[in-house]
Amino acid sequence: MRNLRMASVRSPFDKLGLASPAVAALSRAESMGLLRGQVTCLDYSALEQLRSGLAEAGIGQGFLAELAQPHACEPDRLSTLMARIAEALEQSPAPGHEWPAVVRVLGIDLLVRLLGISPSSARRYLCGDRTTPDEVAVRLHFLALVVGDLAGAYNDIGIRRWFDRPRARLGGATPAEALGEEWFPEDPAARSVRDLASSIMSSPAT
């Protein structure tokens, strides 16, 4: 990961209230493996990176059309559009992109343990030799989003260790234990893990 290393903000995101929704959309795209190059400035080039990633993954075709409109960079319209793109990414598993992105951070051993699949199956999905089943794709997407939430606070080693550290908010269980086996993102335990990851930046004691 770490394609997202923004050091400055420029037009069109230098207007009040625009940076936050743009960073949210870009961070989600990065965690899903949709950013191909380094993004060091929040500007038109970052917007083009996002647009390219969405197009490649086949996500948000209507948003791509909106981004191409002359009025797309009006502050209110752009803020709303970035929020809608972030939501579309949240709801759109993209295993072809997410496998290499998540493996790079978690490693194959931890990832297969969290997904509840064999290493051989994971490698076939990663290489594209087999289509990722829907139930595995949604778990992989969930983990990509959790990794994205954690990336704002931890490096890759810290992210890996996070899954195996007991957490008071999970009743003393580790996130890996809380997920259990054959879990789905809508399960209460999985939602608790995601909420915990999302809260990291505002509550370092977690």
N, C-alpha and C. Protein backbone atom coordinates (compact mmCIF):
# COMPACT_ATOMS: atom_id res chain seq x y z
N MET A 1 0.85 -1.18 0.00
CA MET A 1 0.00 0.00 0.00
C MET A 1 0.88 1.23 0.00
N ARG A 2 0.39 2.29 0.57
CA ARG A 2 1.12 3.54 0.72
C ARG A 2 1.35 4.25 -0.61
N ASN A 3 0.43 4.09 -1.57
CA ASN A 3 0.46 4.93 -2.76
C ASN A 3 -0.06 6.31 -2.44
N LEU A 4 -0.75 6.42 -1.30
CA LEU A 4 -1.37 7.68 -0.92
C LEU A 4 -0.48 8.36 0.12
N ARG A 5 0.30 9.35 -0.32
CA ARG A 5 1.22 10.06 0.57
C ARG A 5 1.10 11.56 0.28
N MET A 6 -0.02 12.11 0.58
CA MET A 6 -0.30 13.49 0.20
C MET A 6 0.39 14.48 1.13
N ALA A 7 1.14 15.39 0.52
CA ALA A 7 1.87 16.40 1.28
C ALA A 7 1.29 17.79 1.08
N SER A 8 0.40 17.94 0.10
CA SER A 8 -0.16 19.27 -0.17
C SER A 8 -1.54 19.14 -0.79
N VAL A 9 -2.27 20.23 -0.77
CA VAL A 9 -3.62 20.29 -1.32
C VAL A 9 -3.69 21.47 -2.29
N ARG A 10 -4.18 21.22 -3.48
CA ARG A 10 -4.32 22.26 -4.49
C ARG A 10 -5.70 22.19 -5.12
N SER A 11 -5.94 23.09 -6.05
CA SER A 11 -7.22 23.12 -6.76
C SER A 11 -7.47 21.76 -7.43
N PRO A 12 -8.71 21.25 -7.40
CA PRO A 12 -9.94 21.90 -6.94
C PRO A 12 -10.29 21.61 -5.49
N PHE A 13 -9.36 20.93 -4.75
CA PHE A 13 -9.69 20.48 -3.40
C PHE A 13 -9.26 21.46 -2.31
N ASP A 14 -8.80 22.63 -2.69
CA ASP A 14 -8.35 23.61 -1.70
C ASP A 14 -9.48 24.47 -1.16
N LYS A 15 -10.70 24.14 -1.56
CA LYS A 15 -11.87 24.85 -1.02
C LYS A 15 -12.30 24.19 0.28
N LEU A 16 -12.85 24.98 1.18
CA LEU A 16 -13.26 24.49 2.50
C LEU A 16 -14.22 23.29 2.38
N GLY A 17 -13.89 22.24 3.10
CA GLY A 17 -14.77 21.08 3.17
C GLY A 17 -14.57 20.05 2.07
N LEU A 18 -13.68 20.29 1.12
CA LEU A 18 -13.50 19.36 0.01
C LEU A 18 -12.44 18.30 0.27
N ALA A 19 -11.43 18.62 1.07
CA ALA A 19 -10.33 17.68 1.26
C ALA A 19 -10.78 16.39 1.93
N SER A 20 -11.61 16.49 2.96
CA SER A 20 -11.99 15.30 3.73
C SER A 20 -12.72 14.25 2.89
N PRO A 21 -13.79 14.60 2.16
CA PRO A 21 -14.44 13.56 1.35
C PRO A 21 -13.55 13.03 0.24
N ALA A 22 -12.66 13.86 -0.28
CA ALA A 22 -11.74 13.40 -1.33
C ALA A 22 -10.75 12.39 -0.77
N VAL A 23 -10.19 12.67 0.40
CA VAL A 23 -9.25 11.74 1.03
C VAL A 23 -9.95 10.42 1.36
N ALA A 24 -11.21 10.50 1.81
CA ALA A 24 -11.95 9.28 2.13
C ALA A 24 -12.11 8.40 0.89
N ALA A 25 -12.45 9.02 -0.24
CA ALA A 25 -12.61 8.25 -1.48
C ALA A 25 -11.28 7.68 -1.95
N LEU A 26 -10.24 8.48 -1.91
CA LEU A 26 -8.93 8.03 -2.36
C LEU A 26 -8.37 6.93 -1.45
N SER A 27 -8.56 7.08 -0.14
CA SER A 27 -8.07 6.08 0.81
C SER A 27 -8.76 4.73 0.57
N ARG A 28 -10.05 4.79 0.32
CA ARG A 28 -10.79 3.55 0.05
C ARG A 28 -10.31 2.92 -1.25
N ALA A 29 -10.09 3.76 -2.27
CA ALA A 29 -9.60 3.24 -3.55
C ALA A 29 -8.23 2.60 -3.38
N GLU A 30 -7.37 3.23 -2.57
CA GLU A 30 -6.04 2.66 -2.36
C GLU A 30 -6.13 1.32 -1.66
N SER A 31 -6.95 1.23 -0.64
CA SER A 31 -7.05 -0.03 0.11
C SER A 31 -7.58 -1.16 -0.76
N MET A 32 -8.29 -0.82 -1.83
CA MET A 32 -8.84 -1.81 -2.75
C MET A 32 -7.89 -2.09 -3.92
N GLY A 33 -6.72 -1.44 -3.92
CA GLY A 33 -5.76 -1.69 -4.98
C GLY A 33 -6.06 -0.98 -6.28
N LEU A 34 -6.78 0.13 -6.20
CA LEU A 34 -7.22 0.82 -7.42
C LEU A 34 -6.35 2.02 -7.80
N LEU A 35 -5.39 2.38 -6.96
CA LEU A 35 -4.48 3.48 -7.29
C LEU A 35 -3.18 2.88 -7.79
N ARG A 36 -2.82 3.18 -9.03
CA ARG A 36 -1.66 2.56 -9.65
C ARG A 36 -0.37 3.32 -9.40
N GLY A 37 -0.45 4.60 -9.14
CA GLY A 37 0.75 5.39 -8.94
C GLY A 37 0.69 6.17 -7.64
N GLN A 38 1.78 6.83 -7.30
CA GLN A 38 1.85 7.62 -6.08
C GLN A 38 0.96 8.86 -6.19
N VAL A 39 0.22 9.14 -5.13
CA VAL A 39 -0.56 10.36 -5.03
C VAL A 39 0.04 11.19 -3.90
N THR A 40 0.77 12.23 -4.26
CA THR A 40 1.45 13.05 -3.26
C THR A 40 0.82 14.42 -3.08
N CYS A 41 -0.11 14.75 -3.95
CA CYS A 41 -0.80 16.03 -3.85
C CYS A 41 -2.27 15.83 -4.16
N LEU A 42 -3.12 16.43 -3.34
CA LEU A 42 -4.56 16.34 -3.56
C LEU A 42 -4.93 17.42 -4.58
N ASP A 43 -4.99 17.04 -5.84
CA ASP A 43 -5.24 17.99 -6.91
C ASP A 43 -5.90 17.27 -8.08
N TYR A 44 -5.84 17.86 -9.26
CA TYR A 44 -6.46 17.25 -10.43
C TYR A 44 -5.82 15.90 -10.78
N SER A 45 -4.53 15.76 -10.54
CA SER A 45 -3.87 14.49 -10.85
C SER A 45 -4.40 13.37 -9.95
N ALA A 46 -4.70 13.70 -8.68
CA ALA A 46 -5.30 12.71 -7.78
C ALA A 46 -6.69 12.32 -8.27
N LEU A 47 -7.42 13.30 -8.76
CA LEU A 47 -8.76 13.03 -9.29
C LEU A 47 -8.68 12.11 -10.50
N GLU A 48 -7.67 12.31 -11.33
CA GLU A 48 -7.49 11.46 -12.51
C GLU A 48 -7.11 10.04 -12.10
N GLN A 49 -6.29 9.90 -11.06
CA GLN A 49 -5.95 8.58 -10.55
C GLN A 49 -7.20 7.85 -10.07
N LEU A 50 -8.04 8.57 -9.36
CA LEU A 50 -9.28 7.98 -8.86
C LEU A 50 -10.18 7.58 -10.02
N ARG A 51 -10.32 8.46 -10.99
CA ARG A 51 -11.16 8.18 -12.14
C ARG A 51 -10.65 6.94 -12.90
N SER A 52 -9.34 6.84 -13.06
CA SER A 52 -8.75 5.71 -13.76
C SER A 52 -9.01 4.40 -13.01
N GLY A 53 -8.85 4.43 -11.68
CA GLY A 53 -9.08 3.24 -10.88
C GLY A 53 -10.52 2.77 -10.93
N LEU A 54 -11.45 3.70 -10.86
CA LEU A 54 -12.86 3.36 -10.95
C LEU A 54 -13.18 2.72 -12.30
N ALA A 55 -12.65 3.31 -13.36
CA ALA A 55 -12.92 2.80 -14.70
C ALA A 55 -12.38 1.39 -14.87
N GLU A 56 -11.17 1.16 -14.37
CA GLU A 56 -10.55 -0.16 -14.51
C GLU A 56 -11.32 -1.23 -13.77
N ALA A 57 -11.88 -0.87 -12.61
CA ALA A 57 -12.62 -1.84 -11.80
C ALA A 57 -14.09 -1.91 -12.19
N GLY A 58 -14.53 -1.05 -13.10
CA GLY A 58 -15.93 -1.06 -13.51
C GLY A 58 -16.87 -0.58 -12.42
N ILE A 59 -16.39 0.33 -11.60
CA ILE A 59 -17.19 0.86 -10.48
C ILE A 59 -17.60 2.29 -10.79
N GLY A 60 -18.87 2.61 -10.51
CA GLY A 60 -19.33 3.99 -10.59
C GLY A 60 -19.29 4.60 -11.97
N GLN A 61 -19.81 3.88 -12.96
CA GLN A 61 -19.79 4.42 -14.31
C GLN A 61 -20.52 5.75 -14.41
N GLY A 62 -21.60 5.88 -13.67
CA GLY A 62 -22.33 7.16 -13.66
C GLY A 62 -21.50 8.28 -13.07
N PHE A 63 -20.69 7.95 -12.06
CA PHE A 63 -19.83 8.97 -11.45
C PHE A 63 -18.74 9.41 -12.42
N LEU A 64 -18.24 8.46 -13.22
CA LEU A 64 -17.23 8.81 -14.20
C LEU A 64 -17.77 9.82 -15.20
N ALA A 65 -19.02 9.62 -15.59
CA ALA A 65 -19.65 10.57 -16.50
C ALA A 65 -19.80 11.93 -15.85
N GLU A 66 -20.15 11.94 -14.57
CA GLU A 66 -20.29 13.22 -13.85
C GLU A 66 -18.94 13.93 -13.72
N LEU A 67 -17.89 13.16 -13.44
CA LEU A 67 -16.57 13.76 -13.28
C LEU A 67 -16.08 14.41 -14.57
N ALA A 68 -16.60 13.95 -15.69
CA ALA A 68 -16.18 14.50 -16.99
C ALA A 68 -16.91 15.79 -17.34
N GLN A 69 -17.93 16.14 -16.57
CA GLN A 69 -18.70 17.34 -16.86
C GLN A 69 -17.94 18.60 -16.43
N PRO A 70 -18.10 19.71 -17.15
CA PRO A 70 -17.38 20.95 -16.82
C PRO A 70 -17.67 21.47 -15.42
N HIS A 71 -18.89 21.23 -14.92
CA HIS A 71 -19.28 21.76 -13.61
C HIS A 71 -18.94 20.80 -12.47
N ALA A 72 -18.28 19.69 -12.77
CA ALA A 72 -18.04 18.66 -11.74
C ALA A 72 -17.19 19.19 -10.59
N CYS A 73 -16.34 20.17 -10.84
CA CYS A 73 -15.42 20.65 -9.81
C CYS A 73 -15.97 21.84 -9.02
N GLU A 74 -17.23 22.15 -9.20
CA GLU A 74 -17.86 23.13 -8.32
C GLU A 74 -17.87 22.55 -6.91
N PRO A 75 -17.49 23.32 -5.89
CA PRO A 75 -17.27 22.75 -4.55
C PRO A 75 -18.39 21.87 -4.01
N ASP A 76 -19.62 22.35 -4.01
CA ASP A 76 -20.71 21.55 -3.45
C ASP A 76 -20.92 20.27 -4.23
N ARG A 77 -20.85 20.36 -5.54
CA ARG A 77 -21.07 19.19 -6.39
C ARG A 77 -19.93 18.18 -6.21
N LEU A 78 -18.70 18.66 -6.14
CA LEU A 78 -17.56 17.77 -6.00
C LEU A 78 -17.55 17.08 -4.65
N SER A 79 -17.92 17.80 -3.60
CA SER A 79 -17.98 17.20 -2.27
C SER A 79 -18.99 16.06 -2.23
N THR A 80 -20.15 16.30 -2.79
CA THR A 80 -21.19 15.27 -2.84
C THR A 80 -20.74 14.09 -3.67
N LEU A 81 -20.09 14.37 -4.79
CA LEU A 81 -19.63 13.32 -5.69
C LEU A 81 -18.57 12.44 -5.02
N MET A 82 -17.64 13.05 -4.29
CA MET A 82 -16.61 12.27 -3.60
C MET A 82 -17.24 11.35 -2.54
N ALA A 83 -18.24 11.87 -1.82
CA ALA A 83 -18.91 11.06 -0.80
C ALA A 83 -19.65 9.89 -1.45
N ARG A 84 -20.27 10.13 -2.58
CA ARG A 84 -20.98 9.06 -3.28
C ARG A 84 -20.02 8.02 -3.85
N ILE A 85 -18.87 8.47 -4.31
CA ILE A 85 -17.86 7.54 -4.81
C ILE A 85 -17.34 6.66 -3.67
N ALA A 86 -17.07 7.27 -2.51
CA ALA A 86 -16.60 6.49 -1.36
C ALA A 86 -17.63 5.43 -0.97
N GLU A 87 -18.90 5.78 -1.02
CA GLU A 87 -19.96 4.82 -0.69
C GLU A 87 -20.02 3.71 -1.74
N ALA A 88 -19.87 4.07 -3.01
CA ALA A 88 -19.89 3.06 -4.07
C ALA A 88 -18.73 2.08 -3.90
N LEU A 89 -17.56 2.59 -3.53
CA LEU A 89 -16.42 1.72 -3.29
C LEU A 89 -16.68 0.79 -2.10
N GLU A 90 -17.30 1.32 -1.07
CA GLU A 90 -17.64 0.52 0.11
C GLU A 90 -18.49 -0.69 -0.27
N GLN A 91 -19.37 -0.50 -1.24
CA GLN A 91 -20.34 -1.54 -1.59
C GLN A 91 -19.91 -2.39 -2.78
N SER A 92 -18.68 -2.25 -3.25
CA SER A 92 -18.27 -2.88 -4.52
C SER A 92 -17.00 -3.72 -4.38
N PRO A 93 -17.12 -4.99 -3.97
CA PRO A 93 -15.95 -5.86 -3.95
C PRO A 93 -15.29 -5.92 -5.33
N ALA A 94 -13.97 -5.90 -5.34
CA ALA A 94 -13.22 -5.96 -6.59
C ALA A 94 -12.05 -6.92 -6.38
N PRO A 95 -12.33 -8.22 -6.29
CA PRO A 95 -11.29 -9.19 -5.90
C PRO A 95 -10.07 -9.18 -6.80
N GLY A 96 -10.26 -8.94 -8.09
CA GLY A 96 -9.12 -8.93 -8.99
C GLY A 96 -8.07 -7.91 -8.61
N HIS A 97 -8.51 -6.80 -8.03
CA HIS A 97 -7.61 -5.75 -7.58
C HIS A 97 -7.23 -5.92 -6.11
N GLU A 98 -8.17 -6.44 -5.32
CA GLU A 98 -7.97 -6.49 -3.87
C GLU A 98 -7.03 -7.62 -3.43
N TRP A 99 -7.01 -8.73 -4.15
CA TRP A 99 -6.11 -9.82 -3.76
C TRP A 99 -4.67 -9.35 -3.63
N PRO A 100 -4.07 -8.80 -4.68
CA PRO A 100 -2.66 -8.39 -4.52
C PRO A 100 -2.47 -7.27 -3.50
N ALA A 101 -3.44 -6.34 -3.42
CA ALA A 101 -3.30 -5.23 -2.48
C ALA A 101 -3.30 -5.71 -1.04
N VAL A 102 -4.22 -6.62 -0.70
CA VAL A 102 -4.33 -7.09 0.69
C VAL A 102 -3.21 -8.07 1.02
N VAL A 103 -2.83 -8.91 0.07
CA VAL A 103 -1.72 -9.83 0.32
C VAL A 103 -0.43 -9.07 0.61
N ARG A 104 -0.21 -7.96 -0.09
CA ARG A 104 1.00 -7.17 0.14
C ARG A 104 1.09 -6.68 1.58
N VAL A 105 -0.04 -6.41 2.21
CA VAL A 105 -0.04 -5.89 3.58
C VAL A 105 -0.09 -7.02 4.60
N LEU A 106 -1.05 -7.92 4.46
CA LEU A 106 -1.29 -8.94 5.48
C LEU A 106 -0.41 -10.18 5.31
N GLY A 107 0.04 -10.44 4.09
CA GLY A 107 0.74 -11.70 3.84
C GLY A 107 -0.27 -12.82 3.66
N ILE A 108 0.14 -13.85 2.95
CA ILE A 108 -0.80 -14.92 2.59
C ILE A 108 -1.24 -15.72 3.81
N ASP A 109 -0.36 -15.95 4.78
CA ASP A 109 -0.71 -16.81 5.92
C ASP A 109 -1.81 -16.19 6.78
N LEU A 110 -1.64 -14.91 7.13
CA LEU A 110 -2.67 -14.25 7.94
C LEU A 110 -3.95 -14.10 7.14
N LEU A 111 -3.83 -13.77 5.87
CA LEU A 111 -5.03 -13.54 5.07
C LEU A 111 -5.88 -14.79 4.95
N VAL A 112 -5.26 -15.93 4.67
CA VAL A 112 -6.07 -17.15 4.51
C VAL A 112 -6.70 -17.55 5.84
N ARG A 113 -6.00 -17.27 6.93
CA ARG A 113 -6.59 -17.57 8.25
C ARG A 113 -7.83 -16.72 8.49
N LEU A 114 -7.75 -15.44 8.13
CA LEU A 114 -8.89 -14.56 8.32
C LEU A 114 -10.04 -14.89 7.37
N LEU A 115 -9.70 -15.32 6.17
CA LEU A 115 -10.73 -15.65 5.17
C LEU A 115 -11.32 -17.04 5.38
N GLY A 116 -10.60 -17.90 6.08
CA GLY A 116 -11.08 -19.27 6.29
C GLY A 116 -10.97 -20.13 5.04
N ILE A 117 -9.89 -19.94 4.27
CA ILE A 117 -9.67 -20.73 3.07
C ILE A 117 -8.26 -21.29 3.10
N SER A 118 -7.95 -22.19 2.19
CA SER A 118 -6.62 -22.80 2.14
C SER A 118 -5.66 -21.90 1.38
N PRO A 119 -4.36 -22.00 1.70
CA PRO A 119 -3.37 -21.23 0.94
C PRO A 119 -3.38 -21.54 -0.55
N SER A 120 -3.62 -22.79 -0.90
CA SER A 120 -3.62 -23.15 -2.33
C SER A 120 -4.78 -22.49 -3.06
N SER A 121 -5.94 -22.44 -2.41
CA SER A 121 -7.08 -21.75 -3.03
C SER A 121 -6.79 -20.26 -3.18
N ALA A 122 -6.22 -19.67 -2.13
CA ALA A 122 -5.91 -18.23 -2.18
C ALA A 122 -4.95 -17.92 -3.32
N ARG A 123 -3.97 -18.77 -3.51
CA ARG A 123 -2.99 -18.51 -4.58
C ARG A 123 -3.64 -18.64 -5.95
N ARG A 124 -4.58 -19.55 -6.09
CA ARG A 124 -5.28 -19.68 -7.38
C ARG A 124 -6.14 -18.45 -7.64
N TYR A 125 -6.82 -17.96 -6.58
CA TYR A 125 -7.62 -16.74 -6.74
C TYR A 125 -6.72 -15.55 -7.05
N LEU A 126 -5.59 -15.47 -6.35
CA LEU A 126 -4.65 -14.36 -6.52
C LEU A 126 -4.12 -14.31 -7.94
N CYS A 127 -3.81 -15.47 -8.49
CA CYS A 127 -3.25 -15.54 -9.85
C CYS A 127 -4.32 -15.46 -10.93
N GLY A 128 -5.57 -15.53 -10.53
CA GLY A 128 -6.64 -15.50 -11.52
C GLY A 128 -6.91 -16.84 -12.17
N ASP A 129 -6.35 -17.92 -11.61
CA ASP A 129 -6.59 -19.25 -12.16
C ASP A 129 -8.01 -19.73 -11.86
N ARG A 130 -8.57 -19.21 -10.78
CA ARG A 130 -9.96 -19.53 -10.42
C ARG A 130 -10.68 -18.25 -10.05
N THR A 131 -11.98 -18.23 -10.33
CA THR A 131 -12.81 -17.08 -9.95
C THR A 131 -13.06 -17.11 -8.45
N THR A 132 -12.91 -15.98 -7.80
CA THR A 132 -13.14 -15.88 -6.36
C THR A 132 -14.63 -16.04 -6.07
N PRO A 133 -15.02 -17.01 -5.24
CA PRO A 133 -16.44 -17.16 -4.89
C PRO A 133 -16.97 -15.90 -4.19
N ASP A 134 -18.25 -15.66 -4.34
CA ASP A 134 -18.83 -14.44 -3.79
C ASP A 134 -18.59 -14.31 -2.29
N GLU A 135 -18.74 -15.42 -1.55
CA GLU A 135 -18.60 -15.33 -0.09
C GLU A 135 -17.16 -15.00 0.30
N VAL A 136 -16.20 -15.44 -0.48
CA VAL A 136 -14.81 -15.08 -0.21
C VAL A 136 -14.54 -13.65 -0.65
N ALA A 137 -15.12 -13.24 -1.77
CA ALA A 137 -14.92 -11.88 -2.29
C ALA A 137 -15.42 -10.83 -1.31
N VAL A 138 -16.56 -11.07 -0.66
CA VAL A 138 -17.08 -10.07 0.27
C VAL A 138 -16.23 -10.00 1.53
N ARG A 139 -15.67 -11.13 1.96
CA ARG A 139 -14.77 -11.11 3.12
C ARG A 139 -13.47 -10.39 2.78
N LEU A 140 -12.95 -10.68 1.60
CA LEU A 140 -11.72 -10.01 1.16
C LEU A 140 -11.93 -8.50 1.08
N HIS A 141 -13.07 -8.09 0.56
CA HIS A 141 -13.38 -6.66 0.45
C HIS A 141 -13.46 -6.02 1.84
N PHE A 142 -14.11 -6.71 2.75
CA PHE A 142 -14.20 -6.23 4.13
C PHE A 142 -12.81 -6.03 4.71
N LEU A 143 -11.92 -7.00 4.52
CA LEU A 143 -10.57 -6.91 5.06
C LEU A 143 -9.79 -5.78 4.38
N ALA A 144 -10.01 -5.58 3.09
CA ALA A 144 -9.36 -4.46 2.40
C ALA A 144 -9.77 -3.13 3.03
N LEU A 145 -11.04 -3.00 3.35
CA LEU A 145 -11.53 -1.76 3.96
C LEU A 145 -10.99 -1.59 5.38
N VAL A 146 -10.90 -2.68 6.14
CA VAL A 146 -10.33 -2.61 7.48
C VAL A 146 -8.86 -2.19 7.40
N VAL A 147 -8.12 -2.80 6.47
CA VAL A 147 -6.72 -2.42 6.29
C VAL A 147 -6.62 -0.95 5.93
N GLY A 148 -7.52 -0.46 5.10
CA GLY A 148 -7.52 0.96 4.76
C GLY A 148 -7.77 1.84 5.97
N ASP A 149 -8.67 1.42 6.84
CA ASP A 149 -8.93 2.19 8.07
C ASP A 149 -7.69 2.22 8.96
N LEU A 150 -7.00 1.09 9.06
CA LEU A 150 -5.84 0.99 9.95
C LEU A 150 -4.61 1.71 9.39
N ALA A 151 -4.56 1.86 8.07
CA ALA A 151 -3.36 2.40 7.43
C ALA A 151 -3.08 3.84 7.84
N GLY A 152 -4.09 4.55 8.32
CA GLY A 152 -3.86 5.92 8.77
C GLY A 152 -3.09 6.00 10.07
N ALA A 153 -3.02 4.87 10.81
CA ALA A 153 -2.36 4.88 12.11
C ALA A 153 -1.15 3.95 12.19
N TYR A 154 -1.17 2.87 11.44
CA TYR A 154 -0.13 1.84 11.57
C TYR A 154 0.62 1.63 10.26
N ASN A 155 1.84 1.12 10.38
CA ASN A 155 2.53 0.62 9.19
C ASN A 155 2.07 -0.82 8.96
N ASP A 156 2.62 -1.49 7.95
CA ASP A 156 2.13 -2.83 7.60
C ASP A 156 2.32 -3.84 8.72
N ILE A 157 3.45 -3.75 9.44
CA ILE A 157 3.68 -4.66 10.56
C ILE A 157 2.63 -4.43 11.64
N GLY A 158 2.38 -3.18 11.95
CA GLY A 158 1.37 -2.85 12.96
C GLY A 158 -0.01 -3.33 12.58
N ILE A 159 -0.35 -3.22 11.29
CA ILE A 159 -1.66 -3.70 10.82
C ILE A 159 -1.76 -5.20 11.02
N ARG A 160 -0.73 -5.94 10.67
CA ARG A 160 -0.77 -7.40 10.84
C ARG A 160 -0.92 -7.78 12.31
N ARG A 161 -0.20 -7.10 13.16
CA ARG A 161 -0.25 -7.43 14.60
C ARG A 161 -1.61 -7.05 15.21
N TRP A 162 -2.25 -6.04 14.64
CA TRP A 162 -3.55 -5.58 15.17
C TRP A 162 -4.56 -6.71 15.21
N PHE A 163 -4.55 -7.56 14.22
CA PHE A 163 -5.55 -8.62 14.13
C PHE A 163 -5.39 -9.68 15.22
N ASP A 164 -4.23 -9.76 15.85
CA ASP A 164 -4.00 -10.80 16.84
C ASP A 164 -3.75 -10.24 18.25
N ARG A 165 -4.18 -9.03 18.47
CA ARG A 165 -4.05 -8.44 19.81
C ARG A 165 -5.42 -8.35 20.48
N PRO A 166 -5.54 -8.83 21.73
CA PRO A 166 -6.83 -8.76 22.43
C PRO A 166 -7.30 -7.31 22.55
N ARG A 167 -8.61 -7.12 22.40
CA ARG A 167 -9.20 -5.79 22.46
C ARG A 167 -10.35 -5.77 23.46
N ALA A 168 -10.30 -4.78 24.36
CA ALA A 168 -11.35 -4.67 25.37
C ALA A 168 -12.71 -4.51 24.72
N ARG A 169 -12.78 -3.75 23.63
CA ARG A 169 -14.06 -3.50 22.97
C ARG A 169 -14.61 -4.74 22.28
N LEU A 170 -13.79 -5.79 22.18
CA LEU A 170 -14.26 -7.05 21.62
C LEU A 170 -14.39 -8.11 22.71
N GLY A 171 -14.53 -7.66 23.95
CA GLY A 171 -14.68 -8.58 25.06
C GLY A 171 -13.42 -9.35 25.38
N GLY A 172 -12.27 -8.77 25.05
CA GLY A 172 -11.00 -9.43 25.31
C GLY A 172 -10.53 -10.32 24.18
N ALA A 173 -11.35 -10.49 23.15
CA ALA A 173 -10.95 -11.30 22.00
C ALA A 173 -10.08 -10.48 21.05
N THR A 174 -9.31 -11.16 20.25
CA THR A 174 -8.59 -10.47 19.19
C THR A 174 -9.55 -10.26 18.01
N PRO A 175 -9.27 -9.31 17.11
CA PRO A 175 -10.13 -9.17 15.93
C PRO A 175 -10.24 -10.46 15.13
N ALA A 176 -9.15 -11.20 15.01
CA ALA A 176 -9.20 -12.47 14.28
C ALA A 176 -10.15 -13.45 14.98
N GLU A 177 -10.08 -13.52 16.30
CA GLU A 177 -10.97 -14.42 17.06
C GLU A 177 -12.41 -13.96 16.96
N ALA A 178 -12.62 -12.66 17.01
CA ALA A 178 -13.99 -12.13 16.94
C ALA A 178 -14.65 -12.46 15.61
N LEU A 179 -13.89 -12.44 14.53
CA LEU A 179 -14.46 -12.78 13.23
C LEU A 179 -14.87 -14.24 13.19
N GLY A 180 -14.06 -15.12 13.78
CA GLY A 180 -14.39 -16.53 13.80
C GLY A 180 -14.29 -17.17 12.43
N GLU A 181 -15.14 -18.16 12.17
CA GLU A 181 -15.12 -18.89 10.90
C GLU A 181 -16.40 -18.62 10.12
N GLU A 182 -16.27 -18.65 8.82
CA GLU A 182 -17.42 -18.50 7.91
C GLU A 182 -18.25 -17.26 8.25
N TRP A 183 -17.56 -16.18 8.53
CA TRP A 183 -18.22 -14.93 8.89
C TRP A 183 -18.59 -14.14 7.63
N PHE A 184 -19.48 -13.18 7.83
CA PHE A 184 -19.87 -12.26 6.77
C PHE A 184 -19.83 -10.83 7.31
N PRO A 185 -19.58 -9.85 6.44
CA PRO A 185 -19.43 -8.47 6.91
C PRO A 185 -20.62 -7.93 7.70
N GLU A 186 -21.81 -8.46 7.42
CA GLU A 186 -22.99 -7.95 8.14
C GLU A 186 -23.18 -8.59 9.50
N ASP A 187 -22.38 -9.57 9.86
CA ASP A 187 -22.50 -10.19 11.19
C ASP A 187 -22.15 -9.17 12.27
N PRO A 188 -22.80 -9.24 13.43
CA PRO A 188 -22.50 -8.28 14.51
C PRO A 188 -21.03 -8.25 14.89
N ALA A 189 -20.39 -9.41 14.98
CA ALA A 189 -18.98 -9.44 15.37
C ALA A 189 -18.12 -8.74 14.32
N ALA A 190 -18.41 -8.97 13.06
CA ALA A 190 -17.64 -8.31 11.99
C ALA A 190 -17.86 -6.80 12.03
N ARG A 191 -19.08 -6.38 12.27
CA ARG A 191 -19.34 -4.94 12.37
C ARG A 191 -18.56 -4.33 13.53
N SER A 192 -18.44 -5.07 14.63
CA SER A 192 -17.67 -4.57 15.77
C SER A 192 -16.19 -4.42 15.42
N VAL A 193 -15.67 -5.37 14.65
CA VAL A 193 -14.27 -5.29 14.22
C VAL A 193 -14.08 -4.08 13.31
N ARG A 194 -15.00 -3.87 12.40
CA ARG A 194 -14.87 -2.72 11.48
C ARG A 194 -14.99 -1.41 12.26
N ASP A 195 -15.91 -1.34 13.19
CA ASP A 195 -16.07 -0.12 13.99
C ASP A 195 -14.80 0.16 14.78
N LEU A 196 -14.19 -0.90 15.31
CA LEU A 196 -12.95 -0.74 16.07
C LEU A 196 -11.84 -0.19 15.18
N ALA A 197 -11.71 -0.74 14.00
CA ALA A 197 -10.69 -0.27 13.06
C ALA A 197 -10.94 1.18 12.66
N SER A 198 -12.21 1.53 12.44
CA SER A 198 -12.56 2.89 12.03
C SER A 198 -12.27 3.91 13.11
N SER A 199 -12.29 3.46 14.36
CA SER A 199 -12.12 4.38 15.48
C SER A 199 -10.65 4.63 15.85
N ILE A 200 -9.74 3.93 15.19
CA ILE A 200 -8.32 3.97 15.58
C ILE A 200 -7.77 5.39 15.63
N MET A 201 -8.05 6.18 14.61
CA MET A 201 -7.46 7.51 14.54
C MET A 201 -7.94 8.42 15.67
N SER A 202 -9.19 8.22 16.12
CA SER A 202 -9.73 9.09 17.15
C SER A 202 -9.56 8.52 18.56
N SER A 203 -9.22 7.24 18.66
CA SER A 203 -9.10 6.61 19.97
C SER A 203 -7.91 5.67 19.99
N PRO A 204 -6.70 6.18 20.21
CA PRO A 204 -5.51 5.34 20.15
C PRO A 204 -5.48 4.24 21.19
N ALA A 205 -6.31 4.32 22.23
CA ALA A 205 -6.31 3.29 23.27
C ALA A 205 -6.92 2.00 22.83
N THR A 206 -7.56 1.97 21.64
CA THR A 206 -8.18 0.75 21.18
C THR A 206 -7.16 -0.29 20.78
